All heavy atoms as atom14 arrays in JSON, in Angstrom:
{
  "sequence": "IEELVSGSGDNHELFAMGTREPWLSEGARSLFGDRDFHAIDGFKSSEE",
  "atom14_mask": [
    [1, 1, 1, 1, 1, 1, 1, 1, 0, 0, 0, 0, 0, 0],
    [1, 1, 1, 1, 1, 1, 1, 1, 1, 0, 0, 0, 0, 0],
    [1, 1, 1, 1, 1, 1, 1, 1, 1, 0, 0, 0, 0, 0],
    [1, 1, 1, 1, 1, 1, 1, 1, 0, 0, 0, 0, 0, 0],
    [1, 1, 1, 1, 1, 1, 1, 0, 0, 0, 0, 0, 0, 0],
    [1, 1, 1, 1, 1, 1, 0, 0, 0, 0, 0, 0, 0, 0],
    [1, 1, 1, 1, 0, 0, 0, 0, 0, 0, 0, 0, 0, 0],
    [1, 1, 1, 1, 1, 1, 0, 0, 0, 0, 0, 0, 0, 0],
    [1, 1, 1, 1, 0, 0, 0, 0, 0, 0, 0, 0, 0, 0],
    [1, 1, 1, 1, 1, 1, 1, 1, 0, 0, 0, 0, 0, 0],
    [1, 1, 1, 1, 1, 1, 1, 1, 0, 0, 0, 0, 0, 0],
    [1, 1, 1, 1, 1, 1, 1, 1, 1, 1, 0, 0, 0, 0],
    [1, 1, 1, 1, 1, 1, 1, 1, 1, 0, 0, 0, 0, 0],
    [1, 1, 1, 1, 1, 1, 1, 1, 0, 0, 0, 0, 0, 0],
    [1, 1, 1, 1, 1, 1, 1, 1, 1, 1, 1, 0, 0, 0],
    [1, 1, 1, 1, 1, 0, 0, 0, 0, 0, 0, 0, 0, 0],
    [1, 1, 1, 1, 1, 1, 1, 1, 0, 0, 0, 0, 0, 0],
    [1, 1, 1, 1, 0, 0, 0, 0, 0, 0, 0, 0, 0, 0],
    [1, 1, 1, 1, 1, 1, 1, 0, 0, 0, 0, 0, 0, 0],
    [1, 1, 1, 1, 1, 1, 1, 1, 1, 1, 1, 0, 0, 0],
    [1, 1, 1, 1, 1, 1, 1, 1, 1, 0, 0, 0, 0, 0],
    [1, 1, 1, 1, 1, 1, 1, 0, 0, 0, 0, 0, 0, 0],
    [1, 1, 1, 1, 1, 1, 1, 1, 1, 1, 1, 1, 1, 1],
    [1, 1, 1, 1, 1, 1, 1, 1, 0, 0, 0, 0, 0, 0],
    [1, 1, 1, 1, 1, 1, 0, 0, 0, 0, 0, 0, 0, 0],
    [1, 1, 1, 1, 1, 1, 1, 1, 1, 0, 0, 0, 0, 0],
    [1, 1, 1, 1, 0, 0, 0, 0, 0, 0, 0, 0, 0, 0],
    [1, 1, 1, 1, 1, 0, 0, 0, 0, 0, 0, 0, 0, 0],
    [1, 1, 1, 1, 1, 1, 1, 1, 1, 1, 1, 0, 0, 0],
    [1, 1, 1, 1, 1, 1, 0, 0, 0, 0, 0, 0, 0, 0],
    [1, 1, 1, 1, 1, 1, 1, 1, 0, 0, 0, 0, 0, 0],
    [1, 1, 1, 1, 1, 1, 1, 1, 1, 1, 1, 0, 0, 0],
    [1, 1, 1, 1, 0, 0, 0, 0, 0, 0, 0, 0, 0, 0],
    [1, 1, 1, 1, 1, 1, 1, 1, 0, 0, 0, 0, 0, 0],
    [1, 1, 1, 1, 1, 1, 1, 1, 1, 1, 1, 0, 0, 0],
    [1, 1, 1, 1, 1, 1, 1, 1, 0, 0, 0, 0, 0, 0],
    [1, 1, 1, 1, 1, 1, 1, 1, 1, 1, 1, 0, 0, 0],
    [1, 1, 1, 1, 1, 1, 1, 1, 1, 1, 0, 0, 0, 0],
    [1, 1, 1, 1, 1, 0, 0, 0, 0, 0, 0, 0, 0, 0],
    [1, 1, 1, 1, 1, 1, 1, 1, 0, 0, 0, 0, 0, 0],
    [1, 1, 1, 1, 1, 1, 1, 1, 0, 0, 0, 0, 0, 0],
    [1, 1, 1, 1, 0, 0, 0, 0, 0, 0, 0, 0, 0, 0],
    [1, 1, 1, 1, 1, 1, 1, 1, 1, 1, 1, 0, 0, 0],
    [1, 1, 1, 1, 1, 1, 1, 1, 1, 0, 0, 0, 0, 0],
    [1, 1, 1, 1, 1, 1, 0, 0, 0, 0, 0, 0, 0, 0],
    [1, 1, 1, 1, 1, 1, 0, 0, 0, 0, 0, 0, 0, 0],
    [1, 1, 1, 1, 1, 1, 1, 1, 1, 0, 0, 0, 0, 0],
    [1, 1, 1, 1, 1, 1, 1, 1, 1, 0, 0, 0, 0, 0]
  ],
  "atom14_positions": [
    [[-6.36, -7.34, -5.66], [-5.12, -6.58, -5.98], [-4.23, -7.34, -6.89], [-3.67, -6.9, -7.85], [-4.43, -6.17, -4.68], [-5.27, -5.12, -3.93], [-3.01, -5.62, -4.99], [-4.73, -4.77, -2.56], [0.0, 0.0, 0.0], [0.0, 0.0, 0.0], [0.0, 0.0, 0.0], [0.0, 0.0, 0.0], [0.0, 0.0, 0.0], [0.0, 0.0, 0.0]],
    [[-4.07, -8.65, -6.58], [-3.18, -9.49, -7.42], [-3.68, -9.54, -8.83], [-2.92, -9.45, -9.78], [-3.1, -10.88, -6.8], [-2.07, -11.8, -7.47], [-0.65, -11.23, -7.35], [-0.34, -10.58, -6.38], [0.14, -11.51, -8.31], [0.0, 0.0, 0.0], [0.0, 0.0, 0.0], [0.0, 0.0, 0.0], [0.0, 0.0, 0.0], [0.0, 0.0, 0.0]],
    [[-5.03, -9.75, -9.03], [-5.56, -9.82, -10.37], [-5.5, -8.5, -11.13], [-5.28, -8.49, -12.33], [-7.0, -10.38, -10.3], [-7.07, -11.82, -9.88], [-8.42, -12.45, -10.18], [-9.1, -11.98, -11.1], [-8.77, -13.42, -9.48], [0.0, 0.0, 0.0], [0.0, 0.0, 0.0], [0.0, 0.0, 0.0], [0.0, 0.0, 0.0], [0.0, 0.0, 0.0]],
    [[-5.64, -7.38, -10.41], [-5.57, -6.12, -11.06], [-4.18, -5.73, -11.47], [-3.94, -5.11, -12.56], [-6.13, -5.03, -10.15], [-7.66, -5.04, -9.89], [-7.98, -3.92, -8.89], [-8.43, -4.83, -11.19], [0.0, 0.0, 0.0], [0.0, 0.0, 0.0], [0.0, 0.0, 0.0], [0.0, 0.0, 0.0], [0.0, 0.0, 0.0], [0.0, 0.0, 0.0]],
    [[-3.21, -6.05, -10.67], [-1.85, -5.54, -10.83], [-0.94, -6.49, -11.66], [-0.09, -6.05, -12.35], [-1.23, -5.25, -9.48], [0.23, -4.77, -9.64], [-2.02, -4.17, -8.72], [0.0, 0.0, 0.0], [0.0, 0.0, 0.0], [0.0, 0.0, 0.0], [0.0, 0.0, 0.0], [0.0, 0.0, 0.0], [0.0, 0.0, 0.0], [0.0, 0.0, 0.0]],
    [[-1.24, -7.8, -11.56], [-0.33, -8.75, -12.27], [-0.34, -8.49, -13.73], [-1.36, -8.37, -14.39], [-0.84, -10.18, -12.01], [-0.65, -10.55, -10.67], [0.0, 0.0, 0.0], [0.0, 0.0, 0.0], [0.0, 0.0, 0.0], [0.0, 0.0, 0.0], [0.0, 0.0, 0.0], [0.0, 0.0, 0.0], [0.0, 0.0, 0.0], [0.0, 0.0, 0.0]],
    [[0.88, -8.4, -14.26], [1.04, -8.22, -15.71], [0.73, -6.83, -16.21], [0.71, -6.58, -17.43], [0.0, 0.0, 0.0], [0.0, 0.0, 0.0], [0.0, 0.0, 0.0], [0.0, 0.0, 0.0], [0.0, 0.0, 0.0], [0.0, 0.0, 0.0], [0.0, 0.0, 0.0], [0.0, 0.0, 0.0], [0.0, 0.0, 0.0], [0.0, 0.0, 0.0]],
    [[0.53, -5.86, -15.31], [0.2, -4.53, -15.71], [1.42, -3.61, -15.84], [1.25, -2.44, -16.17], [-0.78, -3.91, -14.73], [-0.18, -3.71, -13.47], [0.0, 0.0, 0.0], [0.0, 0.0, 0.0], [0.0, 0.0, 0.0], [0.0, 0.0, 0.0], [0.0, 0.0, 0.0], [0.0, 0.0, 0.0], [0.0, 0.0, 0.0], [0.0, 0.0, 0.0]],
    [[2.61, -4.11, -15.58], [3.81, -3.31, -15.69], [3.8, -2.19, -14.66], [3.52, -2.39, -13.5], [0.0, 0.0, 0.0], [0.0, 0.0, 0.0], [0.0, 0.0, 0.0], [0.0, 0.0, 0.0], [0.0, 0.0, 0.0], [0.0, 0.0, 0.0], [0.0, 0.0, 0.0], [0.0, 0.0, 0.0], [0.0, 0.0, 0.0], [0.0, 0.0, 0.0]],
    [[4.09, -0.99, -15.13], [4.12, 0.2, -14.26], [2.8, 1.02, -14.36], [2.84, 2.23, -14.05], [5.29, 1.09, -14.62], [6.61, 0.4, -14.28], [6.65, -0.38, -13.31], [7.63, 0.64, -14.97], [0.0, 0.0, 0.0], [0.0, 0.0, 0.0], [0.0, 0.0, 0.0], [0.0, 0.0, 0.0], [0.0, 0.0, 0.0], [0.0, 0.0, 0.0]],
    [[1.74, 0.42, -14.77], [0.53, 1.19, -14.94], [-0.14, 1.58, -13.63], [-0.93, 2.51, -13.54], [-0.52, 0.37, -15.77], [-0.1, 0.29, -17.23], [0.69, 1.06, -17.7], [-0.6, -0.72, -17.93], [0.0, 0.0, 0.0], [0.0, 0.0, 0.0], [0.0, 0.0, 0.0], [0.0, 0.0, 0.0], [0.0, 0.0, 0.0], [0.0, 0.0, 0.0]],
    [[0.14, 0.83, -12.56], [-0.56, 1.09, -11.28], [0.45, 1.68, -10.27], [1.72, 1.49, -10.38], [-1.11, -0.16, -10.72], [-2.3, -0.68, -11.47], [-2.19, -1.54, -12.53], [-3.65, -0.48, -11.27], [-3.43, -1.77, -13.0], [-4.3, -1.18, -12.25], [0.0, 0.0, 0.0], [0.0, 0.0, 0.0], [0.0, 0.0, 0.0], [0.0, 0.0, 0.0]],
    [[-0.09, 2.35, -9.28], [0.69, 2.79, -8.09], [-0.11, 2.42, -6.88], [-1.36, 2.47, -6.88], [1.01, 4.25, -8.14], [-0.2, 5.14, -8.34], [0.17, 6.63, -8.59], [1.36, 6.89, -8.79], [-0.76, 7.45, -8.58], [0.0, 0.0, 0.0], [0.0, 0.0, 0.0], [0.0, 0.0, 0.0], [0.0, 0.0, 0.0], [0.0, 0.0, 0.0]],
    [[0.55, 1.96, -5.84], [-0.1, 1.35, -4.71], [0.05, 2.21, -3.47], [1.15, 2.67, -3.11], [0.46, -0.04, -4.45], [0.35, -0.98, -5.64], [1.19, -2.26, -5.39], [-1.09, -1.37, -5.92], [0.0, 0.0, 0.0], [0.0, 0.0, 0.0], [0.0, 0.0, 0.0], [0.0, 0.0, 0.0], [0.0, 0.0, 0.0], [0.0, 0.0, 0.0]],
    [[-1.05, 2.41, -2.76], [-1.08, 3.19, -1.49], [-1.73, 2.35, -0.39], [-2.71, 1.68, -0.6], [-1.9, 4.45, -1.68], [-1.31, 5.48, -2.59], [-1.46, 5.38, -3.97], [-0.55, 6.56, -2.09], [-0.9, 6.35, -4.85], [0.0, 7.5, -2.96], [-0.17, 7.38, -4.31], [0.0, 0.0, 0.0], [0.0, 0.0, 0.0], [0.0, 0.0, 0.0]],
    [[-1.11, 2.41, 0.78], [-1.72, 1.81, 2.0], [-1.94, 2.94, 3.0], [-0.99, 3.65, 3.36], [-0.79, 0.75, 2.57], [0.0, 0.0, 0.0], [0.0, 0.0, 0.0], [0.0, 0.0, 0.0], [0.0, 0.0, 0.0], [0.0, 0.0, 0.0], [0.0, 0.0, 0.0], [0.0, 0.0, 0.0], [0.0, 0.0, 0.0], [0.0, 0.0, 0.0]],
    [[-3.19, 3.13, 3.44], [-3.5, 4.18, 4.36], [-4.26, 3.54, 5.54], [-5.41, 3.14, 5.41], [-4.38, 5.23, 3.69], [-3.69, 5.94, 2.52], [-4.83, 7.22, 1.75], [-3.68, 7.94, 0.56], [0.0, 0.0, 0.0], [0.0, 0.0, 0.0], [0.0, 0.0, 0.0], [0.0, 0.0, 0.0], [0.0, 0.0, 0.0], [0.0, 0.0, 0.0]],
    [[-3.59, 3.42, 6.7], [-4.29, 2.84, 7.81], [-3.36, 2.18, 8.79], [-2.13, 2.06, 8.55], [0.0, 0.0, 0.0], [0.0, 0.0, 0.0], [0.0, 0.0, 0.0], [0.0, 0.0, 0.0], [0.0, 0.0, 0.0], [0.0, 0.0, 0.0], [0.0, 0.0, 0.0], [0.0, 0.0, 0.0], [0.0, 0.0, 0.0], [0.0, 0.0, 0.0]],
    [[-3.91, 1.73, 9.93], [-3.25, 1.18, 11.08], [-2.0, 2.0, 11.48], [-1.92, 3.18, 11.23], [-2.91, -0.34, 10.86], [-2.63, -0.93, 12.13], [-1.81, -0.58, 9.84], [0.0, 0.0, 0.0], [0.0, 0.0, 0.0], [0.0, 0.0, 0.0], [0.0, 0.0, 0.0], [0.0, 0.0, 0.0], [0.0, 0.0, 0.0], [0.0, 0.0, 0.0]],
    [[-1.02, 1.36, 12.13], [0.17, 2.08, 12.56], [1.39, 1.18, 12.38], [1.23, -0.04, 12.14], [0.04, 2.51, 14.03], [-0.05, 1.33, 14.98], [-0.07, 1.76, 16.47], [-1.4, 2.19, 16.87], [-1.67, 3.4, 17.34], [-0.71, 4.31, 17.42], [-2.87, 3.73, 17.7], [0.0, 0.0, 0.0], [0.0, 0.0, 0.0], [0.0, 0.0, 0.0]],
    [[2.55, 1.76, 12.44], [3.77, 0.95, 12.37], [4.01, 0.08, 13.58], [3.59, 0.45, 14.65], [5.0, 1.83, 12.12], [4.98, 2.67, 10.8], [5.13, 1.81, 9.59], [5.2, 0.55, 9.68], [5.15, 2.37, 8.47], [0.0, 0.0, 0.0], [0.0, 0.0, 0.0], [0.0, 0.0, 0.0], [0.0, 0.0, 0.0], [0.0, 0.0, 0.0]],
    [[4.6, -1.09, 13.45], [5.22, -1.63, 12.22], [4.25, -2.38, 11.31], [4.65, -2.8, 10.23], [6.23, -2.61, 12.75], [5.58, -3.16, 14.0], [4.86, -1.93, 14.61], [0.0, 0.0, 0.0], [0.0, 0.0, 0.0], [0.0, 0.0, 0.0], [0.0, 0.0, 0.0], [0.0, 0.0, 0.0], [0.0, 0.0, 0.0], [0.0, 0.0, 0.0]],
    [[2.96, -2.5, 11.71], [2.01, -3.28, 10.99], [1.63, -2.65, 9.64], [1.29, -3.34, 8.71], [0.79, -3.55, 11.83], [1.15, -4.23, 13.11], [1.54, -5.54, 13.27], [1.2, -3.63, 14.37], [1.85, -5.75, 14.58], [1.63, -4.63, 15.3], [0.96, -2.33, 14.87], [1.82, -4.34, 16.67], [1.1, -2.07, 16.21], [1.55, -3.12, 17.11]],
    [[1.77, -1.31, 9.59], [1.43, -0.63, 8.36], [2.37, -1.12, 7.2], [1.9, -1.57, 6.16], [1.54, 0.88, 8.55], [1.54, 1.78, 7.31], [0.26, 1.55, 6.51], [1.72, 3.26, 7.72], [0.0, 0.0, 0.0], [0.0, 0.0, 0.0], [0.0, 0.0, 0.0], [0.0, 0.0, 0.0], [0.0, 0.0, 0.0], [0.0, 0.0, 0.0]],
    [[3.65, -1.01, 7.41], [4.61, -1.36, 6.37], [4.63, -2.91, 6.16], [4.69, -3.37, 5.05], [6.05, -0.92, 6.76], [6.08, 0.5, 6.75], [0.0, 0.0, 0.0], [0.0, 0.0, 0.0], [0.0, 0.0, 0.0], [0.0, 0.0, 0.0], [0.0, 0.0, 0.0], [0.0, 0.0, 0.0], [0.0, 0.0, 0.0], [0.0, 0.0, 0.0]],
    [[4.54, -3.66, 7.25], [4.56, -5.12, 7.13], [3.29, -5.6, 6.4], [3.37, -6.5, 5.52], [4.62, -5.77, 8.54], [5.95, -5.55, 9.21], [5.98, -6.15, 10.61], [4.96, -6.81, 10.98], [6.99, -6.0, 11.33], [0.0, 0.0, 0.0], [0.0, 0.0, 0.0], [0.0, 0.0, 0.0], [0.0, 0.0, 0.0], [0.0, 0.0, 0.0]],
    [[2.16, -5.03, 6.72], [0.9, -5.4, 6.04], [0.94, -5.0, 4.58], [0.47, -5.79, 3.72], [0.0, 0.0, 0.0], [0.0, 0.0, 0.0], [0.0, 0.0, 0.0], [0.0, 0.0, 0.0], [0.0, 0.0, 0.0], [0.0, 0.0, 0.0], [0.0, 0.0, 0.0], [0.0, 0.0, 0.0], [0.0, 0.0, 0.0], [0.0, 0.0, 0.0]],
    [[1.44, -3.83, 4.25], [1.51, -3.39, 2.91], [2.44, -4.26, 2.06], [2.16, -4.62, 0.9], [1.95, -1.89, 2.82], [0.0, 0.0, 0.0], [0.0, 0.0, 0.0], [0.0, 0.0, 0.0], [0.0, 0.0, 0.0], [0.0, 0.0, 0.0], [0.0, 0.0, 0.0], [0.0, 0.0, 0.0], [0.0, 0.0, 0.0], [0.0, 0.0, 0.0]],
    [[3.57, -4.67, 2.66], [4.5, -5.55, 1.93], [3.86, -6.88, 1.66], [4.03, -7.45, 0.58], [5.8, -5.7, 2.7], [6.8, -4.57, 2.52], [8.18, -4.91, 3.05], [8.15, -4.99, 4.49], [8.43, -3.98, 5.32], [8.71, -2.78, 4.79], [8.4, -4.1, 6.62], [0.0, 0.0, 0.0], [0.0, 0.0, 0.0], [0.0, 0.0, 0.0]],
    [[3.14, -7.39, 2.63], [2.47, -8.65, 2.44], [1.37, -8.57, 1.41], [1.21, -9.45, 0.58], [1.9, -9.16, 3.8], [1.16, -10.33, 3.63], [0.0, 0.0, 0.0], [0.0, 0.0, 0.0], [0.0, 0.0, 0.0], [0.0, 0.0, 0.0], [0.0, 0.0, 0.0], [0.0, 0.0, 0.0], [0.0, 0.0, 0.0], [0.0, 0.0, 0.0]],
    [[0.64, -7.49, 1.4], [-0.51, -7.3, 0.52], [-0.03, -7.03, -0.93], [-0.63, -7.53, -1.86], [-1.39, -6.16, 1.04], [-2.75, -5.99, 0.41], [-3.62, -7.25, 0.61], [-3.44, -4.78, 1.02], [0.0, 0.0, 0.0], [0.0, 0.0, 0.0], [0.0, 0.0, 0.0], [0.0, 0.0, 0.0], [0.0, 0.0, 0.0], [0.0, 0.0, 0.0]],
    [[1.01, -6.23, -1.04], [1.42, -5.8, -2.38], [2.59, -6.58, -2.94], [3.05, -6.35, -4.05], [1.81, -4.3, -2.35], [0.69, -3.4, -1.92], [0.96, -2.3, -1.1], [-0.62, -3.6, -2.38], [-0.07, -1.41, -0.72], [-1.64, -2.72, -2.01], [-1.35, -1.67, -1.2], [0.0, 0.0, 0.0], [0.0, 0.0, 0.0], [0.0, 0.0, 0.0]],
    [[3.12, -7.51, -2.2], [4.24, -8.31, -2.66], [5.49, -7.46, -2.71], [5.79, -6.61, -1.9], [0.0, 0.0, 0.0], [0.0, 0.0, 0.0], [0.0, 0.0, 0.0], [0.0, 0.0, 0.0], [0.0, 0.0, 0.0], [0.0, 0.0, 0.0], [0.0, 0.0, 0.0], [0.0, 0.0, 0.0], [0.0, 0.0, 0.0], [0.0, 0.0, 0.0]],
    [[6.32, -7.69, -3.77], [7.61, -6.95, -3.93], [7.44, -5.64, -4.72], [8.42, -5.08, -5.15], [8.63, -7.88, -4.58], [8.2, -8.35, -5.96], [7.08, -8.05, -6.39], [8.98, -9.05, -6.6], [0.0, 0.0, 0.0], [0.0, 0.0, 0.0], [0.0, 0.0, 0.0], [0.0, 0.0, 0.0], [0.0, 0.0, 0.0], [0.0, 0.0, 0.0]],
    [[6.21, -5.18, -4.88], [5.96, -3.98, -5.66], [6.21, -2.73, -4.74], [6.01, -2.8, -3.56], [4.54, -3.97, -6.19], [4.21, -5.17, -7.04], [2.73, -5.23, -7.45], [2.45, -6.45, -8.2], [1.89, -7.53, -7.68], [1.65, -7.58, -6.36], [1.66, -8.59, -8.44], [0.0, 0.0, 0.0], [0.0, 0.0, 0.0], [0.0, 0.0, 0.0]],
    [[6.54, -1.64, -5.37], [6.67, -0.37, -4.6], [5.33, 0.08, -4.14], [4.3, -0.11, -4.8], [7.31, 0.71, -5.52], [8.76, 0.36, -5.9], [9.42, -0.37, -5.13], [9.18, 0.84, -6.93], [0.0, 0.0, 0.0], [0.0, 0.0, 0.0], [0.0, 0.0, 0.0], [0.0, 0.0, 0.0], [0.0, 0.0, 0.0], [0.0, 0.0, 0.0]],
    [[5.34, 0.78, -2.99], [4.1, 1.32, -2.45], [4.42, 2.53, -1.62], [5.54, 2.78, -1.19], [3.34, 0.26, -1.61], [4.08, -0.21, -0.41], [4.01, 0.48, 0.82], [4.85, -1.39, -0.46], [4.71, 0.03, 1.91], [5.55, -1.82, 0.69], [5.46, -1.1, 1.87], [0.0, 0.0, 0.0], [0.0, 0.0, 0.0], [0.0, 0.0, 0.0]],
    [[3.36, 3.3, -1.32], [3.44, 4.44, -0.42], [2.49, 4.2, 0.75], [1.35, 3.79, 0.57], [3.01, 5.74, -1.13], [3.74, 5.95, -2.45], [5.08, 6.32, -2.5], [3.33, 5.79, -3.74], [5.44, 6.4, -3.78], [4.39, 6.1, -4.54], [0.0, 0.0, 0.0], [0.0, 0.0, 0.0], [0.0, 0.0, 0.0], [0.0, 0.0, 0.0]],
    [[2.97, 4.43, 1.99], [2.17, 4.08, 3.15], [2.12, 5.26, 4.12], [3.09, 5.99, 4.3], [2.76, 2.86, 3.83], [0.0, 0.0, 0.0], [0.0, 0.0, 0.0], [0.0, 0.0, 0.0], [0.0, 0.0, 0.0], [0.0, 0.0, 0.0], [0.0, 0.0, 0.0], [0.0, 0.0, 0.0], [0.0, 0.0, 0.0], [0.0, 0.0, 0.0]],
    [[0.95, 5.41, 4.76], [0.75, 6.45, 5.73], [-0.23, 5.89, 6.79], [-1.11, 5.11, 6.45], [0.16, 7.75, 5.1], [0.01, 8.84, 6.15], [-1.14, 7.46, 4.37], [-0.39, 10.2, 5.52], [0.0, 0.0, 0.0], [0.0, 0.0, 0.0], [0.0, 0.0, 0.0], [0.0, 0.0, 0.0], [0.0, 0.0, 0.0], [0.0, 0.0, 0.0]],
    [[0.0, 6.28, 8.08], [-0.83, 5.65, 9.14], [-2.3, 6.11, 9.09], [-2.64, 7.0, 8.28], [-0.24, 5.94, 10.52], [-0.38, 7.41, 10.91], [-1.51, 7.89, 11.02], [0.66, 8.02, 11.17], [0.0, 0.0, 0.0], [0.0, 0.0, 0.0], [0.0, 0.0, 0.0], [0.0, 0.0, 0.0], [0.0, 0.0, 0.0], [0.0, 0.0, 0.0]],
    [[-3.14, 5.47, 9.9], [-4.6, 5.71, 9.81], [-5.12, 6.76, 10.75], [-6.32, 6.68, 11.05], [0.0, 0.0, 0.0], [0.0, 0.0, 0.0], [0.0, 0.0, 0.0], [0.0, 0.0, 0.0], [0.0, 0.0, 0.0], [0.0, 0.0, 0.0], [0.0, 0.0, 0.0], [0.0, 0.0, 0.0], [0.0, 0.0, 0.0], [0.0, 0.0, 0.0]],
    [[-4.29, 7.7, 11.21], [-4.69, 8.65, 12.21], [-4.56, 10.1, 11.75], [-4.4, 10.95, 12.54], [-3.94, 8.38, 13.51], [-4.06, 6.96, 13.98], [-3.11, 6.01, 13.65], [-5.15, 6.58, 14.78], [-3.24, 4.69, 14.05], [-5.27, 5.22, 15.19], [-4.31, 4.29, 14.81], [0.0, 0.0, 0.0], [0.0, 0.0, 0.0], [0.0, 0.0, 0.0]],
    [[-4.65, 10.29, 10.47], [-4.56, 11.61, 9.89], [-5.95, 12.15, 9.52], [-6.94, 11.45, 9.59], [-3.7, 11.6, 8.62], [-2.36, 10.86, 8.74], [-1.41, 11.62, 9.67], [-0.03, 10.95, 9.67], [0.9, 11.53, 10.69], [0.0, 0.0, 0.0], [0.0, 0.0, 0.0], [0.0, 0.0, 0.0], [0.0, 0.0, 0.0], [0.0, 0.0, 0.0]],
    [[-5.97, 13.4, 9.11], [-7.22, 13.99, 8.63], [-7.4, 13.71, 7.15], [-6.41, 13.29, 6.47], [-7.17, 15.54, 8.84], [-6.18, 16.12, 7.98], [0.0, 0.0, 0.0], [0.0, 0.0, 0.0], [0.0, 0.0, 0.0], [0.0, 0.0, 0.0], [0.0, 0.0, 0.0], [0.0, 0.0, 0.0], [0.0, 0.0, 0.0], [0.0, 0.0, 0.0]],
    [[-8.6, 13.86, 6.67], [-8.85, 13.61, 5.23], [-7.96, 14.49, 4.38], [-7.46, 14.03, 3.31], [-10.32, 13.9, 4.92], [-11.18, 13.01, 5.6], [0.0, 0.0, 0.0], [0.0, 0.0, 0.0], [0.0, 0.0, 0.0], [0.0, 0.0, 0.0], [0.0, 0.0, 0.0], [0.0, 0.0, 0.0], [0.0, 0.0, 0.0], [0.0, 0.0, 0.0]],
    [[-7.73, 15.76, 4.81], [-6.92, 16.65, 4.0], [-5.46, 16.17, 3.94], [-4.82, 16.3, 2.89], [-6.96, 18.06, 4.63], [-8.29, 18.73, 4.52], [-9.33, 18.28, 5.54], [-8.93, 17.5, 6.46], [-10.52, 18.67, 5.48], [0.0, 0.0, 0.0], [0.0, 0.0, 0.0], [0.0, 0.0, 0.0], [0.0, 0.0, 0.0], [0.0, 0.0, 0.0]],
    [[-4.97, 15.56, 5.0], [-3.59, 15.05, 5.02], [-3.47, 13.85, 4.09], [-2.43, 13.68, 3.43], [-3.19, 14.7, 6.41], [-2.96, 15.88, 7.32], [-2.69, 15.49, 8.74], [-3.59, 15.0, 9.41], [-1.52, 15.68, 9.22], [0.0, 0.0, 0.0], [0.0, 0.0, 0.0], [0.0, 0.0, 0.0], [0.0, 0.0, 0.0], [0.0, 0.0, 0.0]]
  ]
}
């Protein structure tokens, strides 16, 4: 993720889908750094 996103400006958008809060948001912040992201827990249907 770091190699793909670094220096790419606003070309990427980041999604975290899995686990549950508070680990969902904490894990996404750790994984994506200070970049914006969208997060949803891991207990939904594929359609959701």
